[in-house]
Every structure is written in structure tokens, then in C-alpha cells.
Amino acid sequence: MKLRRFGLAIATAAMALTAFAGTASAAADPATVFVAHGIPGVAVDVCVNGSIVAKANFKYGQQFKASLPAGTYIFRVRAHTYTPCHGKVLIYKSLKLTAGLNATAVANVQGGTPHLSIFANDRTGTDGTHATITVRHTASAPTVDVWLNGGTAPAIASLARGASVGPVALPTGVYAWWASAHGGYAPVIGPRVASLAAGHAYQIYAVGTSTLNYRFIVISQMGA
């Protein structure tokens, strides 16, 4: 299966949310933030502005959606304890959320340290017969090749850690995807099999720290 449409420029991974102020549709629109847990072996509490718990006992591989008014927020990712938002702070980040923003925050590991990577979600390109996918490499892993329904060549070649490709429109249907070591074929992340629905935009995140725990987190939402 030839997917030349994947020949898109690779965007930088960790982008400051303030760069997307121009995406606001109206001053009253809230910001939409998806949060994905990509750090194996630890349950966490996601805390906003001190004591407000956005998500307690949040486990590796899970994701959730938050809707917040525009403004500046302090996000703390803490080790989960019996009393939420009282555990050790693993990640501290100040984020400015603009009205109408649609983004994903991925808790991952960079250089052995917990980190929050921020991505703007582009939901354009969907229609009544197509979905879109965006693939993002946030795992602690070297450059990979991404395969879609097998084939003789990867759909995405040389996807570096921290890089992103998409959105790319695909006909609706069932797809299998996996990541191999660059130049290889055998899966080191995945495979994952899922049905892609018309009019939906999918963000596919490779997460994890070793071959024992690599996986994909998939976030789906209606296209714009």
C-alpha cells in the first residue's frame, strides 16, 4: 500500500502552547486539552493550580480530556497517594491556554526525567468517507519506521524521537499499524489494530521506555 501522502514535513515535538494563540475561534471558547500518560510503572495525580484534581490515580496508557477557560495554569503531575495531589511532584509546568485551543499534553520521559510534551491538534482533512491520522513519537526509543497494513515499505520512514507526521487522510476501515526499528520490519511498538471512522481525527502516540512496555495511545475526536 503506497502512502506517499506521508511525505510531510516533520514538526518539532515540544511546542509552547502560547504559539497557538491564533487558533482561538472566540474569546469565550474554552481550551480543550487531552492528557496522555506515557510513563510506565507509576500512577499519578494530575493537579491544576495547586489543589484542583484534574485526574486522580491516572495510570500508564490512559488518557482523558479537560475543558478549561482561557488563562494561565500551573500543572503538576504528582505520584499518586491516598490523598490526591499530595505526592511527590514529578512534572511541573506553567501553561497558557488560549481560547479555542485544541492540544494534547503527553507525560513521557526525556533524558531519564519525567517531562510534559505539548502538541497542537490539527483536525482538518476529515470528511464523510475519510479519517485523518497524526503519528507522534514520544517514546524513549531511537528513530523508528511506521508500518500501516504491512506492505513492502514503511508508511513513515525515519520517524525520530519527538517528531510528528500528519494529519494524513485515509479511507475509513480497519488498519493495523506498528513501529519497527529504523530499517527493520518486526514490531518493537505494537501492533495495534483499530477501525478508523469517517469524520474523525486520530492522534497516535508511541510511548514507553523499553521493549517491555512500549505501546500506542490513541486519541480520537471529531474533525474540524
Foldseek 3Di string as FASTA:
>chain_A
DAQCVQPDDKDFWFDAQVVVQVQAPDLFAWAKEKEAEFEADFFWWKAKQQHRTPDARHHHLDMDMDTGHFAKIWIWIAGHDPRHRPHHTQDIDIHGGHGNFYKYWYFADDPNGTDTGIDGDAQPDFDQFKEWEKEAEAAQDAFWFKDKQDDDGGNRAGQGHRIMTDRDIDGWAKIWMAIDHHPDDDHLEDGDIDTGHGQKYKYWYFHYYGSVDTYIHIDIDGGD
